[in-house]
Amino acid sequence: MSHMSEMTVLERASVLSDQFYLALSGQIPVKQYLEFTVYYKDEEDPNVTSVICNQFSEMTYWWMTMLALHFRRSFEIGLPMRRSNSDGRQ
């Protein structure tokens, strides 16, 4: 994506959003989306950087929700929870 400087703010934000929702829907791997965000490392427009921040926040919320559901189901069906000893060993 070497043509980032030729794109408008709206185009850069739109491409970023497209990649995010493709990842969120499972159409591309999340890793691919995260690797794509590297192209925005020099982004200076606050509108585009806020899109990235909001997407990372949404992704964090989504992952935390999935983890909570996993642990809730594990508890409900009686799966053993791994615990560490006081010295950190399992």
PDB file of N, CA and C in Angstrom:
ATOM      1  N   MET A   1       0.855  -1.180   0.000  1.00  0.00           N
ATOM      2  CA  MET A   1       0.000   0.000   0.000  1.00  0.00           C
ATOM      3  C   MET A   1       0.894   1.235   0.000  1.00  0.00           C
ATOM      4  N   SER A   2       1.742   1.332  -1.002  1.00  0.00           N
ATOM      5  CA  SER A   2       2.704   2.428  -1.076  1.00  0.00           C
ATOM      6  C   SER A   2       2.081   3.734  -1.555  1.00  0.00           C
ATOM      7  N   HIS A   3       0.825   3.717  -1.909  1.00  0.00           N
ATOM      8  CA  HIS A   3       0.160   4.912  -2.437  1.00  0.00           C
ATOM      9  C   HIS A   3      -0.680   5.624  -1.373  1.00  0.00           C
ATOM     10  N   MET A   4      -0.370   5.402  -0.111  1.00  0.00           N
ATOM     11  CA  MET A   4      -1.152   6.002   0.966  1.00  0.00           C
ATOM     12  C   MET A   4      -1.189   7.523   0.857  1.00  0.00           C
ATOM     13  N   SER A   5      -0.088   8.117   0.474  1.00  0.00           N
ATOM     14  CA  SER A   5      -0.035   9.578   0.389  1.00  0.00           C
ATOM     15  C   SER A   5      -0.923  10.125  -0.724  1.00  0.00           C
ATOM     16  N   GLU A   6      -1.277   9.294  -1.684  1.00  0.00           N
ATOM     17  CA  GLU A   6      -2.137   9.726  -2.786  1.00  0.00           C
ATOM     18  C   GLU A   6      -3.623   9.606  -2.445  1.00  0.00           C
ATOM     19  N   MET A   7      -3.926   8.943  -1.335  1.00  0.00           N
ATOM     20  CA  MET A   7      -5.320   8.728  -0.950  1.00  0.00           C
ATOM     21  C   MET A   7      -5.820   9.873  -0.079  1.00  0.00           C
ATOM     22  N   THR A   8      -7.115  10.157  -0.183  1.00  0.00           N
ATOM     23  CA  THR A   8      -7.717  11.171   0.682  1.00  0.00           C
ATOM     24  C   THR A   8      -7.900  10.594   2.080  1.00  0.00           C
ATOM     25  N   VAL A   9      -8.199  11.450   3.028  1.00  0.00           N
ATOM     26  CA  VAL A   9      -8.461  11.018   4.397  1.00  0.00           C
ATOM     27  C   VAL A   9      -9.620  10.019   4.414  1.00  0.00           C
ATOM     28  N   LEU A  10     -10.672  10.329   3.692  1.00  0.00           N
ATOM     29  CA  LEU A  10     -11.832   9.444   3.643  1.00  0.00           C
ATOM     30  C   LEU A  10     -11.471   8.077   3.053  1.00  0.00           C
ATOM     31  N   GLU A  11     -10.660   8.063   2.011  1.00  0.00           N
ATOM     32  CA  GLU A  11     -10.248   6.800   1.401  1.00  0.00           C
ATOM     33  C   GLU A  11      -9.391   5.978   2.363  1.00  0.00           C
ATOM     34  N   ARG A  12      -8.461   6.627   3.060  1.00  0.00           N
ATOM     35  CA  ARG A  12      -7.613   5.898   4.010  1.00  0.00           C
ATOM     36  C   ARG A  12      -8.443   5.312   5.144  1.00  0.00           C
ATOM     37  N   ALA A  13      -9.380   6.075   5.647  1.00  0.00           N
ATOM     38  CA  ALA A  13     -10.250   5.585   6.718  1.00  0.00           C
ATOM     39  C   ALA A  13     -11.157   4.465   6.219  1.00  0.00           C
ATOM     40  N   SER A  14     -11.649   4.585   5.000  1.00  0.00           N
ATOM     41  CA  SER A  14     -12.545   3.573   4.436  1.00  0.00           C
ATOM     42  C   SER A  14     -11.839   2.246   4.212  1.00  0.00           C
ATOM     43  N   VAL A  15     -10.635   2.298   3.673  1.00  0.00           N
ATOM     44  CA  VAL A  15      -9.871   1.065   3.448  1.00  0.00           C
ATOM     45  C   VAL A  15      -9.570   0.394   4.788  1.00  0.00           C
ATOM     46  N   LEU A  16      -9.222   1.183   5.764  1.00  0.00           N
ATOM     47  CA  LEU A  16      -8.955   0.656   7.099  1.00  0.00           C
ATOM     48  C   LEU A  16     -10.206  -0.007   7.677  1.00  0.00           C
ATOM     49  N   SER A  17     -11.341   0.652   7.539  1.00  0.00           N
ATOM     50  CA  SER A  17     -12.595   0.088   8.040  1.00  0.00           C
ATOM     51  C   SER A  17     -12.969  -1.190   7.303  1.00  0.00           C
ATOM     52  N   ASP A  18     -12.762  -1.212   6.005  1.00  0.00           N
ATOM     53  CA  ASP A  18     -13.048  -2.426   5.231  1.00  0.00           C
ATOM     54  C   ASP A  18     -12.230  -3.604   5.754  1.00  0.00           C
ATOM     55  N   GLN A  19     -10.938  -3.379   5.977  1.00  0.00           N
ATOM     56  CA  GLN A  19     -10.067  -4.441   6.475  1.00  0.00           C
ATOM     57  C   GLN A  19     -10.500  -4.898   7.872  1.00  0.00           C
ATOM     58  N   PHE A  20     -10.862  -3.947   8.702  1.00  0.00           N
ATOM     59  CA  PHE A  20     -11.281  -4.279  10.065  1.00  0.00           C
ATOM     60  C   PHE A  20     -12.521  -5.166  10.059  1.00  0.00           C
ATOM     61  N   TYR A  21     -13.521  -4.785   9.287  1.00  0.00           N
ATOM     62  CA  TYR A  21     -14.762  -5.558   9.287  1.00  0.00           C
ATOM     63  C   TYR A  21     -14.615  -6.891   8.558  1.00  0.00           C
ATOM     64  N   LEU A  22     -13.704  -6.976   7.613  1.00  0.00           N
ATOM     65  CA  LEU A  22     -13.394  -8.284   7.022  1.00  0.00           C
ATOM     66  C   LEU A  22     -12.793  -9.210   8.080  1.00  0.00           C
ATOM     67  N   ALA A  23     -11.930  -8.666   8.904  1.00  0.00           N
ATOM     68  CA  ALA A  23     -11.321  -9.469   9.978  1.00  0.00           C
ATOM     69  C   ALA A  23     -12.353  -9.836  11.033  1.00  0.00           C
ATOM     70  N   LEU A  24     -13.170  -8.887  11.406  1.00  0.00           N
ATOM     71  CA  LEU A  24     -14.178  -9.124  12.436  1.00  0.00           C
ATOM     72  C   LEU A  24     -15.188 -10.188  11.998  1.00  0.00           C
ATOM     73  N   SER A  25     -15.478 -10.224  10.712  1.00  0.00           N
ATOM     74  CA  SER A  25     -16.443 -11.208  10.200  1.00  0.00           C
ATOM     75  C   SER A  25     -15.792 -12.548   9.873  1.00  0.00           C
ATOM     76  N   GLY A  26     -14.480 -12.623  10.014  1.00  0.00           N
ATOM     77  CA  GLY A  26     -13.786 -13.876   9.758  1.00  0.00           C
ATOM     78  C   GLY A  26     -13.418 -14.112   8.302  1.00  0.00           C
ATOM     79  N   GLN A  27     -13.590 -13.114   7.455  1.00  0.00           N
ATOM     80  CA  GLN A  27     -13.281 -13.272   6.035  1.00  0.00           C
ATOM     81  C   GLN A  27     -11.786 -13.157   5.751  1.00  0.00           C
ATOM     82  N   ILE A  28     -11.062 -12.502   6.639  1.00  0.00           N
ATOM     83  CA  ILE A  28      -9.602 -12.478   6.589  1.00  0.00           C
ATOM     84  C   ILE A  28      -9.109 -12.718   8.007  1.00  0.00           C
ATOM     85  N   PRO A  29      -7.898 -13.237   8.170  1.00  0.00           N
ATOM     86  CA  PRO A  29      -7.376 -13.428   9.523  1.00  0.00           C
ATOM     87  C   PRO A  29      -7.139 -12.088  10.232  1.00  0.00           C
ATOM     88  N   VAL A  30      -7.355 -12.070  11.531  1.00  0.00           N
ATOM     89  CA  VAL A  30      -7.107 -10.858  12.320  1.00  0.00           C
ATOM     90  C   VAL A  30      -5.657 -10.424  12.151  1.00  0.00           C
ATOM     91  N   LYS A  31      -4.763 -11.395  12.070  1.00  0.00           N
ATOM     92  CA  LYS A  31      -3.343 -11.087  11.882  1.00  0.00           C
ATOM     93  C   LYS A  31      -3.130 -10.253  10.613  1.00  0.00           C
ATOM     94  N   GLN A  32      -3.867 -10.570   9.560  1.00  0.00           N
ATOM     95  CA  GLN A  32      -3.741  -9.807   8.304  1.00  0.00           C
ATOM     96  C   GLN A  32      -4.170  -8.360   8.506  1.00  0.00           C
ATOM     97  N   TYR A  33      -5.258  -8.152   9.260  1.00  0.00           N
ATOM     98  CA  TYR A  33      -5.694  -6.788   9.559  1.00  0.00           C
ATOM     99  C   TYR A  33      -4.616  -6.051  10.352  1.00  0.00           C
ATOM    100  N   LEU A  34      -4.095  -6.716  11.384  1.00  0.00           N
ATOM    101  CA  LEU A  34      -3.077  -6.067  12.222  1.00  0.00           C
ATOM    102  C   LEU A  34      -1.829  -5.729  11.416  1.00  0.00           C
ATOM    103  N   GLU A  35      -1.425  -6.626  10.518  1.00  0.00           N
ATOM    104  CA  GLU A  35      -0.272  -6.340   9.651  1.00  0.00           C
ATOM    105  C   GLU A  35      -0.573  -5.179   8.710  1.00  0.00           C
ATOM    106  N   PHE A  36      -1.809  -5.068   8.275  1.00  0.00           N
ATOM    107  CA  PHE A  36      -2.218  -3.965   7.393  1.00  0.00           C
ATOM    108  C   PHE A  36      -2.098  -2.615   8.094  1.00  0.00           C
ATOM    109  N   THR A  37      -2.374  -2.581   9.393  1.00  0.00           N
ATOM    110  CA  THR A  37      -2.329  -1.300  10.113  1.00  0.00           C
ATOM    111  C   THR A  37      -0.925  -0.701  10.153  1.00  0.00           C
ATOM    112  N   VAL A  38       0.102  -1.500   9.866  1.00  0.00           N
ATOM    113  CA  VAL A  38       1.477  -0.983   9.821  1.00  0.00           C
ATOM    114  C   VAL A  38       1.597   0.126   8.774  1.00  0.00           C
ATOM    115  N   TYR A  39       0.813   0.042   7.719  1.00  0.00           N
ATOM    116  CA  TYR A  39       0.858   1.071   6.678  1.00  0.00           C
ATOM    117  C   TYR A  39       0.411   2.441   7.203  1.00  0.00           C
ATOM    118  N   TYR A  40      -0.211   2.449   8.355  1.00  0.00           N
ATOM    119  CA  TYR A  40      -0.709   3.691   8.934  1.00  0.00           C
ATOM    120  C   TYR A  40       0.230   4.246  10.014  1.00  0.00           C
ATOM    121  N   LYS A  41       1.415   3.700  10.127  1.00  0.00           N
ATOM    122  CA  LYS A  41       2.321   4.106  11.210  1.00  0.00           C
ATOM    123  C   LYS A  41       2.708   5.583  11.153  1.00  0.00           C
ATOM    124  N   ASP A  42       2.696   6.180   9.981  1.00  0.00           N
ATOM    125  CA  ASP A  42       3.046   7.602   9.848  1.00  0.00           C
ATOM    126  C   ASP A  42       1.820   8.486   9.663  1.00  0.00           C
ATOM    127  N   GLU A  43       0.657   7.929   9.907  1.00  0.00           N
ATOM    128  CA  GLU A  43      -0.591   8.683   9.718  1.00  0.00           C
ATOM    129  C   GLU A  43      -0.639   9.865  10.682  1.00  0.00           C
ATOM    130  N   GLU A  44      -0.973  11.032  10.155  1.00  0.00           N
ATOM    131  CA  GLU A  44      -1.029  12.235  10.986  1.00  0.00           C
ATOM    132  C   GLU A  44      -2.425  12.816  11.117  1.00  0.00           C
ATOM    133  N   ASP A  45      -3.340  12.388  10.265  1.00  0.00           N
ATOM    134  CA  ASP A  45      -4.690  12.946  10.337  1.00  0.00           C
ATOM    135  C   ASP A  45      -5.435  12.371  11.545  1.00  0.00           C
ATOM    136  N   PRO A  46      -5.936  13.236  12.417  1.00  0.00           N
ATOM    137  CA  PRO A  46      -6.610  12.748  13.625  1.00  0.00           C
ATOM    138  C   PRO A  46      -7.875  11.935  13.336  1.00  0.00           C
ATOM    139  N   ASN A  47      -8.515  12.193  12.219  1.00  0.00           N
ATOM    140  CA  ASN A  47      -9.707  11.422  11.874  1.00  0.00           C
ATOM    141  C   ASN A  47      -9.355   9.957  11.607  1.00  0.00           C
ATOM    142  N   VAL A  48      -8.258   9.741  10.915  1.00  0.00           N
ATOM    143  CA  VAL A  48      -7.839   8.376  10.595  1.00  0.00           C
ATOM    144  C   VAL A  48      -7.266   7.687  11.826  1.00  0.00           C
ATOM    145  N   THR A  49      -6.462   8.406  12.598  1.00  0.00           N
ATOM    146  CA  THR A  49      -5.898   7.779  13.797  1.00  0.00           C
ATOM    147  C   THR A  49      -6.991   7.437  14.807  1.00  0.00           C
ATOM    148  N   SER A  50      -8.049   8.228  14.852  1.00  0.00           N
ATOM    149  CA  SER A  50      -9.145   7.895  15.769  1.00  0.00           C
ATOM    150  C   SER A  50      -9.884   6.648  15.298  1.00  0.00           C
ATOM    151  N   VAL A  51      -9.942   6.424  13.993  1.00  0.00           N
ATOM    152  CA  VAL A  51     -10.545   5.191  13.463  1.00  0.00           C
ATOM    153  C   VAL A  51      -9.733   3.994  13.950  1.00  0.00           C
ATOM    154  N   ILE A  52      -8.417   4.088  13.840  1.00  0.00           N
ATOM    155  CA  ILE A  52      -7.549   2.996  14.292  1.00  0.00           C
ATOM    156  C   ILE A  52      -7.739   2.750  15.786  1.00  0.00           C
ATOM    157  N   CYS A  53      -7.727   3.800  16.573  1.00  0.00           N
ATOM    158  CA  CYS A  53      -7.896   3.651  18.027  1.00  0.00           C
ATOM    159  C   CYS A  53      -9.245   3.023  18.367  1.00  0.00           C
ATOM    160  N   ASN A  54     -10.291   3.460  17.706  1.00  0.00           N
ATOM    161  CA  ASN A  54     -11.617   2.897  17.958  1.00  0.00           C
ATOM    162  C   ASN A  54     -11.678   1.427  17.562  1.00  0.00           C
ATOM    163  N   GLN A  55     -11.033   1.072  16.464  1.00  0.00           N
ATOM    164  CA  GLN A  55     -11.022  -0.321  16.038  1.00  0.00           C
ATOM    165  C   GLN A  55     -10.256  -1.195  17.025  1.00  0.00           C
ATOM    166  N   PHE A  56      -9.119  -0.726  17.501  1.00  0.00           N
ATOM    167  CA  PHE A  56      -8.365  -1.489  18.499  1.00  0.00           C
ATOM    168  C   PHE A  56      -9.174  -1.641  19.784  1.00  0.00           C
ATOM    169  N   SER A  57      -9.879  -0.591  20.162  1.00  0.00           N
ATOM    170  CA  SER A  57     -10.719  -0.649  21.357  1.00  0.00           C
ATOM    171  C   SER A  57     -11.843  -1.667  21.170  1.00  0.00           C
ATOM    172  N   GLU A  58     -12.478  -1.647  20.013  1.00  0.00           N
ATOM    173  CA  GLU A  58     -13.559  -2.593  19.723  1.00  0.00           C
ATOM    174  C   GLU A  58     -13.024  -4.025  19.695  1.00  0.00           C
ATOM    175  N   MET A  59     -11.847  -4.200  19.126  1.00  0.00           N
ATOM    176  CA  MET A  59     -11.252  -5.526  19.059  1.00  0.00           C
ATOM    177  C   MET A  59     -10.927  -6.036  20.466  1.00  0.00           C
ATOM    178  N   THR A  60     -10.409  -5.169  21.310  1.00  0.00           N
ATOM    179  CA  THR A  60     -10.114  -5.548  22.690  1.00  0.00           C
ATOM    180  C   THR A  60     -11.391  -5.947  23.408  1.00  0.00           C
ATOM    181  N   TYR A  61     -12.450  -5.185  23.251  1.00  0.00           N
ATOM    182  CA  TYR A  61     -13.732  -5.503  23.873  1.00  0.00           C
ATOM    183  C   TYR A  61     -14.233  -6.858  23.376  1.00  0.00           C
ATOM    184  N   TRP A  62     -14.126  -7.096  22.079  1.00  0.00           N
ATOM    185  CA  TRP A  62     -14.597  -8.343  21.481  1.00  0.00           C
ATOM    186  C   TRP A  62     -13.822  -9.528  22.048  1.00  0.00           C
ATOM    187  N   TRP A  63     -12.486  -9.405  22.115  1.00  0.00           N
ATOM    188  CA  TRP A  63     -11.666 -10.491  22.649  1.00  0.00           C
ATOM    189  C   TRP A  63     -11.968 -10.733  24.117  1.00  0.00           C
ATOM    190  N   MET A  64     -12.139  -9.683  24.901  1.00  0.00           N
ATOM    191  CA  MET A  64     -12.443  -9.847  26.320  1.00  0.00           C
ATOM    192  C   MET A  64     -13.804 -10.522  26.509  1.00  0.00           C
ATOM    193  N   THR A  65     -14.766 -10.176  25.676  1.00  0.00           N
ATOM    194  CA  THR A  65     -16.085 -10.808  25.738  1.00  0.00           C
ATOM    195  C   THR A  65     -15.986 -12.291  25.412  1.00  0.00           C
ATOM    196  N   MET A  66     -15.213 -12.618  24.383  1.00  0.00           N
ATOM    197  CA  MET A  66     -15.048 -14.020  24.010  1.00  0.00           C
ATOM    198  C   MET A  66     -14.361 -14.806  25.127  1.00  0.00           C
ATOM    199  N   LEU A  67     -13.353 -14.231  25.758  1.00  0.00           N
ATOM    200  CA  LEU A  67     -12.679 -14.897  26.875  1.00  0.00           C
ATOM    201  C   LEU A  67     -13.632 -15.102  28.048  1.00  0.00           C
ATOM    202  N   ALA A  68     -14.419 -14.093  28.346  1.00  0.00           N
ATOM    203  CA  ALA A  68     -15.367 -14.208  29.457  1.00  0.00           C
ATOM    204  C   ALA A  68     -16.382 -15.310  29.180  1.00  0.00           C
ATOM    205  N   LEU A  69     -16.882 -15.387  27.958  1.00  0.00           N
ATOM    206  CA  LEU A  69     -17.835 -16.443  27.604  1.00  0.00           C
ATOM    207  C   LEU A  69     -17.189 -17.816  27.707  1.00  0.00           C
ATOM    208  N   HIS A  70     -15.948 -17.927  27.276  1.00  0.00           N
ATOM    209  CA  HIS A  70     -15.239 -19.201  27.356  1.00  0.00           C
ATOM    210  C   HIS A  70     -15.111 -19.653  28.807  1.00  0.00           C
ATOM    211  N   PHE A  71     -14.671 -18.751  29.687  1.00  0.00           N
ATOM    212  CA  PHE A  71     -14.494 -19.122  31.085  1.00  0.00           C
ATOM    213  C   PHE A  71     -15.834 -19.392  31.761  1.00  0.00           C
ATOM    214  N   ARG A  72     -16.851 -18.668  31.374  1.00  0.00           N
ATOM    215  CA  ARG A  72     -18.185 -18.903  31.944  1.00  0.00           C
ATOM    216  C   ARG A  72     -18.670 -20.296  31.570  1.00  0.00           C
ATOM    217  N   ARG A  73     -18.532 -20.665  30.288  1.00  0.00           N
ATOM    218  CA  ARG A  73     -18.942 -22.001  29.846  1.00  0.00           C
ATOM    219  C   ARG A  73     -18.118 -23.073  30.539  1.00  0.00           C
ATOM    220  N   SER A  74     -16.822 -22.856  30.670  1.00  0.00           N
ATOM    221  CA  SER A  74     -15.956 -23.822  31.346  1.00  0.00           C
ATOM    222  C   SER A  74     -16.431 -24.044  32.779  1.00  0.00           C
ATOM    223  N   PHE A  75     -16.793 -22.971  33.443  1.00  0.00           N
ATOM    224  CA  PHE A  75     -17.254 -23.074  34.823  1.00  0.00           C
ATOM    225  C   PHE A  75     -18.598 -23.801  34.893  1.00  0.00           C
ATOM    226  N   GLU A  76     -19.505 -23.470  33.972  1.00  0.00           N
ATOM    227  CA  GLU A  76     -20.845 -24.060  33.989  1.00  0.00           C
ATOM    228  C   GLU A  76     -20.831 -25.565  33.720  1.00  0.00           C
ATOM    229  N   ILE A  77     -19.920 -26.030  32.859  1.00  0.00           N
ATOM    230  CA  ILE A  77     -19.910 -27.462  32.556  1.00  0.00           C
ATOM    231  C   ILE A  77     -18.904 -28.221  33.402  1.00  0.00           C
ATOM    232  N   GLY A  78     -18.241 -27.529  34.317  1.00  0.00           N
ATOM    233  CA  GLY A  78     -17.377 -28.177  35.278  1.00  0.00           C
ATOM    234  C   GLY A  78     -15.991 -28.545  34.786  1.00  0.00           C
ATOM    235  N   LEU A  79     -15.486 -27.841  33.781  1.00  0.00           N
ATOM    236  CA  LEU A  79     -14.121 -28.105  33.350  1.00  0.00           C
ATOM    237  C   LEU A  79     -13.155 -27.621  34.419  1.00  0.00           C
ATOM    238  N   PRO A  80     -12.087 -28.378  34.665  1.00  0.00           N
ATOM    239  CA  PRO A  80     -11.133 -27.932  35.691  1.00  0.00           C
ATOM    240  C   PRO A  80     -10.411 -26.669  35.248  1.00  0.00           C
ATOM    241  N   MET A  81     -10.261 -25.761  36.159  1.00  0.00           N
ATOM    242  CA  MET A  81      -9.530 -24.526  35.884  1.00  0.00           C
ATOM    243  C   MET A  81      -8.083 -24.749  36.285  1.00  0.00           C
ATOM    244  N   ARG A  82      -7.159 -24.319  35.459  1.00  0.00           N
ATOM    245  CA  ARG A  82      -5.739 -24.451  35.791  1.00  0.00           C
ATOM    246  C   ARG A  82      -5.367 -23.406  36.812  1.00  0.00           C
ATOM    247  N   ARG A  83      -4.708 -23.840  37.842  1.00  0.00           N
ATOM    248  CA  ARG A  83      -4.281 -22.914  38.892  1.00  0.00           C
ATOM    249  C   ARG A  83      -2.782 -23.023  39.049  1.00  0.00           C
ATOM    250  N   SER A  84      -2.154 -21.923  39.401  1.00  0.00           N
ATOM    251  CA  SER A  84      -0.718 -21.891  39.656  1.00  0.00           C
ATOM    252  C   SER A  84      -0.471 -22.107  41.139  1.00  0.00           C
ATOM    253  N   ASN A  85       0.645 -22.732  41.423  1.00  0.00           N
ATOM    254  CA  ASN A  85       1.085 -22.811  42.810  1.00  0.00           C
ATOM    255  C   ASN A  85       1.603 -21.439  43.228  1.00  0.00           C
ATOM    256  N   SER A  86       1.860 -21.252  44.484  1.00  0.00           N
ATOM    257  CA  SER A  86       2.309 -19.946  44.963  1.00  0.00           C
ATOM    258  C   SER A  86       3.644 -19.536  44.349  1.00  0.00           C
ATOM    259  N   ASP A  87       4.420 -20.532  43.874  1.00  0.00           N
ATOM    260  CA  ASP A  87       5.708 -20.188  43.244  1.00  0.00           C
ATOM    261  C   ASP A  87       5.576 -19.987  41.750  1.00  0.00           C
ATOM    262  N   GLY A  88       4.346 -20.008  41.231  1.00  0.00           N
ATOM    263  CA  GLY A  88       4.111 -19.727  39.821  1.00  0.00           C
ATOM    264  C   GLY A  88       4.057 -20.945  38.932  1.00  0.00           C
ATOM    265  N   ARG A  89       4.372 -22.150  39.498  1.00  0.00           N
ATOM    266  CA  ARG A  89       4.290 -23.360  38.688  1.00  0.00           C
ATOM    267  C   ARG A  89       2.862 -23.866  38.626  1.00  0.00           C
ATOM    268  N   GLN A  90       2.549 -24.595  37.563  1.00  0.00           N
ATOM    269  CA  GLN A  90       1.208 -25.154  37.405  1.00  0.00           C
ATOM    270  C   GLN A  90       1.201 -26.621  37.730  1.00  0.00           C
TER     271      GLN A  90
END
